[in-house]
Amino acid sequence: MSVIDFDELLRAALEARQRAYAPYSGFPVGAALLTGSGRMYPGCNIENASYPLCLCAERTALASAIAAGERDLRAMVVVAATAEPVSPCGACRQMLVEFAAGYAAAVG
């Protein structure tokens, strides 16, 4: 596996965060997902007045990667304006683990 450029992922996540649509929470989040092909997929949170319909930045990035035919996830950076690191929610973790390396071997 090649070396992961986390600085580049961080820059992409910060840029994606600028495009977030977060009028209800005021909590814009950005993410950047690196795949095995070397492509990077940015994502931002997209809120909705019906809160359960909101999309997290992580799932937005993942959906873009999957729609492009990617299945091999290598790394993800998630950013928000917080003093402490932010962590994916349970729904995002479930979506990410579907495509995590070794998942098929673990369940098959």
C-alpha atoms as a PDB file:
ATOM      1  CA  MET A   1       0.000   0.000   0.000  1.00  0.00           C
ATOM      2  CA  SER A   2       1.291   3.464  -0.835  1.00  0.00           C
ATOM      3  CA  VAL A   3       1.856   6.173   1.748  1.00  0.00           C
ATOM      4  CA  ILE A   4      -1.275   8.103   2.648  1.00  0.00           C
ATOM      5  CA  ASP A   5      -0.946  11.887   2.387  1.00  0.00           C
ATOM      6  CA  PHE A   6      -3.055  12.951   5.356  1.00  0.00           C
ATOM      7  CA  ASP A   7      -2.234  16.625   4.761  1.00  0.00           C
ATOM      8  CA  GLU A   8      -3.867  16.395   1.335  1.00  0.00           C
ATOM      9  CA  LEU A   9      -6.884  14.615   2.825  1.00  0.00           C
ATOM     10  CA  LEU A  10      -7.133  17.297   5.504  1.00  0.00           C
ATOM     11  CA  ARG A  11      -7.052  20.087   2.899  1.00  0.00           C
ATOM     12  CA  ALA A  12      -9.795  18.374   0.891  1.00  0.00           C
ATOM     13  CA  ALA A  13     -11.947  17.868   3.999  1.00  0.00           C
ATOM     14  CA  LEU A  14     -11.543  21.507   5.036  1.00  0.00           C
ATOM     15  CA  GLU A  15     -12.505  22.646   1.537  1.00  0.00           C
ATOM     16  CA  ALA A  16     -15.549  20.351   1.534  1.00  0.00           C
ATOM     17  CA  ARG A  17     -16.584  21.753   4.916  1.00  0.00           C
ATOM     18  CA  GLN A  18     -16.899  25.176   3.275  1.00  0.00           C
ATOM     19  CA  ARG A  19     -19.644  23.742   1.039  1.00  0.00           C
ATOM     20  CA  ALA A  20     -21.676  22.224   3.889  1.00  0.00           C
ATOM     21  CA  TYR A  21     -25.365  23.032   4.134  1.00  0.00           C
ATOM     22  CA  ALA A  22     -25.995  23.289   7.870  1.00  0.00           C
ATOM     23  CA  PRO A  23     -28.616  26.003   8.491  1.00  0.00           C
ATOM     24  CA  TYR A  24     -30.303  24.099  11.338  1.00  0.00           C
ATOM     25  CA  SER A  25     -27.379  22.951  13.465  1.00  0.00           C
ATOM     26  CA  GLY A  26     -24.834  25.570  12.449  1.00  0.00           C
ATOM     27  CA  PHE A  27     -22.314  22.685  12.558  1.00  0.00           C
ATOM     28  CA  PRO A  28     -20.652  22.328   9.146  1.00  0.00           C
ATOM     29  CA  VAL A  29     -18.612  19.148   8.693  1.00  0.00           C
ATOM     30  CA  GLY A  30     -16.260  18.123   5.909  1.00  0.00           C
ATOM     31  CA  ALA A  31     -14.788  14.760   4.998  1.00  0.00           C
ATOM     32  CA  ALA A  32     -12.367  13.359   2.454  1.00  0.00           C
ATOM     33  CA  LEU A  33     -12.188   9.676   1.566  1.00  0.00           C
ATOM     34  CA  LEU A  34      -9.182   8.072  -0.129  1.00  0.00           C
ATOM     35  CA  THR A  35      -9.716   4.870  -2.093  1.00  0.00           C
ATOM     36  CA  GLY A  36      -7.375   2.155  -3.276  1.00  0.00           C
ATOM     37  CA  SER A  37      -7.357   3.632  -6.778  1.00  0.00           C
ATOM     38  CA  GLY A  38      -5.758   6.766  -5.334  1.00  0.00           C
ATOM     39  CA  ARG A  39      -8.816   8.910  -5.961  1.00  0.00           C
ATOM     40  CA  MET A  40     -10.116  11.184  -3.245  1.00  0.00           C
ATOM     41  CA  TYR A  41     -13.815  11.870  -2.670  1.00  0.00           C
ATOM     42  CA  PRO A  42     -14.876  14.930  -0.640  1.00  0.00           C
ATOM     43  CA  GLY A  43     -18.114  15.147   1.297  1.00  0.00           C
ATOM     44  CA  CYS A  44     -19.980  17.682   3.408  1.00  0.00           C
ATOM     45  CA  ASN A  45     -22.995  17.453   5.634  1.00  0.00           C
ATOM     46  CA  ILE A  46     -26.322  18.333   4.035  1.00  0.00           C
ATOM     47  CA  GLU A  47     -29.108  19.116   6.475  1.00  0.00           C
ATOM     48  CA  ASN A  48     -32.854  19.055   5.995  1.00  0.00           C
ATOM     49  CA  ALA A  49     -35.724  20.464   8.034  1.00  0.00           C
ATOM     50  CA  SER A  50     -36.725  16.844   8.584  1.00  0.00           C
ATOM     51  CA  TYR A  51     -33.626  16.058  10.626  1.00  0.00           C
ATOM     52  CA  PRO A  52     -33.546  12.262  10.064  1.00  0.00           C
ATOM     53  CA  LEU A  53     -33.124  12.964   6.338  1.00  0.00           C
ATOM     54  CA  CYS A  54     -29.834  14.798   6.889  1.00  0.00           C
ATOM     55  CA  LEU A  55     -26.677  13.431   5.293  1.00  0.00           C
ATOM     56  CA  CYS A  56     -23.408  13.381   7.183  1.00  0.00           C
ATOM     57  CA  ALA A  57     -20.196  14.403   5.430  1.00  0.00           C
ATOM     58  CA  GLU A  58     -18.836  10.869   5.742  1.00  0.00           C
ATOM     59  CA  ARG A  59     -21.805   9.277   3.993  1.00  0.00           C
ATOM     60  CA  THR A  60     -21.770  11.944   1.284  1.00  0.00           C
ATOM     61  CA  ALA A  61     -18.118  11.142   0.501  1.00  0.00           C
ATOM     62  CA  LEU A  62     -18.777   7.407   0.648  1.00  0.00           C
ATOM     63  CA  ALA A  63     -21.815   7.656  -1.642  1.00  0.00           C
ATOM     64  CA  SER A  64     -19.764   9.564  -4.223  1.00  0.00           C
ATOM     65  CA  ALA A  65     -17.029   6.921  -4.119  1.00  0.00           C
ATOM     66  CA  ILE A  66     -19.461   4.018  -4.416  1.00  0.00           C
ATOM     67  CA  ALA A  67     -21.351   5.726  -7.257  1.00  0.00           C
ATOM     68  CA  ALA A  68     -18.008   6.046  -9.091  1.00  0.00           C
ATOM     69  CA  GLY A  69     -17.444   2.301  -8.729  1.00  0.00           C
ATOM     70  CA  GLU A  70     -14.983   2.381  -5.842  1.00  0.00           C
ATOM     71  CA  ARG A  71     -15.050  -0.345  -3.199  1.00  0.00           C
ATOM     72  CA  ASP A  72     -11.561  -0.249  -1.666  1.00  0.00           C
ATOM     73  CA  LEU A  73     -11.467   2.349   1.141  1.00  0.00           C
ATOM     74  CA  ARG A  74      -8.069   3.364   2.475  1.00  0.00           C
ATOM     75  CA  ALA A  75      -8.433   6.426   4.709  1.00  0.00           C
ATOM     76  CA  MET A  76     -10.837   9.160   5.725  1.00  0.00           C
ATOM     77  CA  VAL A  77     -10.429  12.528   7.393  1.00  0.00           C
ATOM     78  CA  VAL A  78     -13.395  14.262   9.062  1.00  0.00           C
ATOM     79  CA  VAL A  79     -13.242  17.901  10.194  1.00  0.00           C
ATOM     80  CA  ALA A  80     -15.441  20.300  12.133  1.00  0.00           C
ATOM     81  CA  ALA A  81     -14.841  23.486  14.096  1.00  0.00           C
ATOM     82  CA  THR A  82     -14.284  21.718  17.411  1.00  0.00           C
ATOM     83  CA  ALA A  83     -11.453  21.650  19.913  1.00  0.00           C
ATOM     84  CA  GLU A  84     -11.674  17.859  20.104  1.00  0.00           C
ATOM     85  CA  PRO A  85     -11.652  15.416  17.178  1.00  0.00           C
ATOM     86  CA  VAL A  86     -15.018  14.519  15.674  1.00  0.00           C
ATOM     87  CA  SER A  87     -16.010  10.926  15.141  1.00  0.00           C
ATOM     88  CA  PRO A  88     -18.447   9.421  12.636  1.00  0.00           C
ATOM     89  CA  CYS A  89     -21.929   8.701  13.972  1.00  0.00           C
ATOM     90  CA  GLY A  90     -23.258   5.164  14.223  1.00  0.00           C
ATOM     91  CA  ALA A  91     -24.966   5.297  10.827  1.00  0.00           C
ATOM     92  CA  CYS A  92     -21.747   6.463   9.160  1.00  0.00           C
ATOM     93  CA  ARG A  93     -19.704   3.811  10.938  1.00  0.00           C
ATOM     94  CA  GLN A  94     -22.104   1.133   9.721  1.00  0.00           C
ATOM     95  CA  MET A  95     -21.910   2.398   6.150  1.00  0.00           C
ATOM     96  CA  LEU A  96     -18.104   2.576   6.262  1.00  0.00           C
ATOM     97  CA  VAL A  97     -17.643  -0.895   7.736  1.00  0.00           C
ATOM     98  CA  GLU A  98     -19.613  -2.356   4.808  1.00  0.00           C
ATOM     99  CA  PHE A  99     -16.700  -1.442   2.572  1.00  0.00           C
ATOM    100  CA  ALA A 100     -13.803  -1.695   5.033  1.00  0.00           C
ATOM    101  CA  ALA A 101     -10.915  -3.956   4.059  1.00  0.00           C
ATOM    102  CA  GLY A 102     -11.440  -7.504   5.247  1.00  0.00           C
ATOM    103  CA  TYR A 103     -15.154  -7.045   5.910  1.00  0.00           C
ATOM    104  CA  ALA A 104     -16.199  -9.732   3.430  1.00  0.00           C
ATOM    105  CA  ALA A 105     -13.660 -12.184   4.876  1.00  0.00           C
ATOM    106  CA  ALA A 106     -14.907 -11.467   8.397  1.00  0.00           C
ATOM    107  CA  VAL A 107     -18.524 -12.255   7.551  1.00  0.00           C
ATOM    108  CA  GLY A 108     -17.974 -14.849   4.830  1.00  0.00           C
END
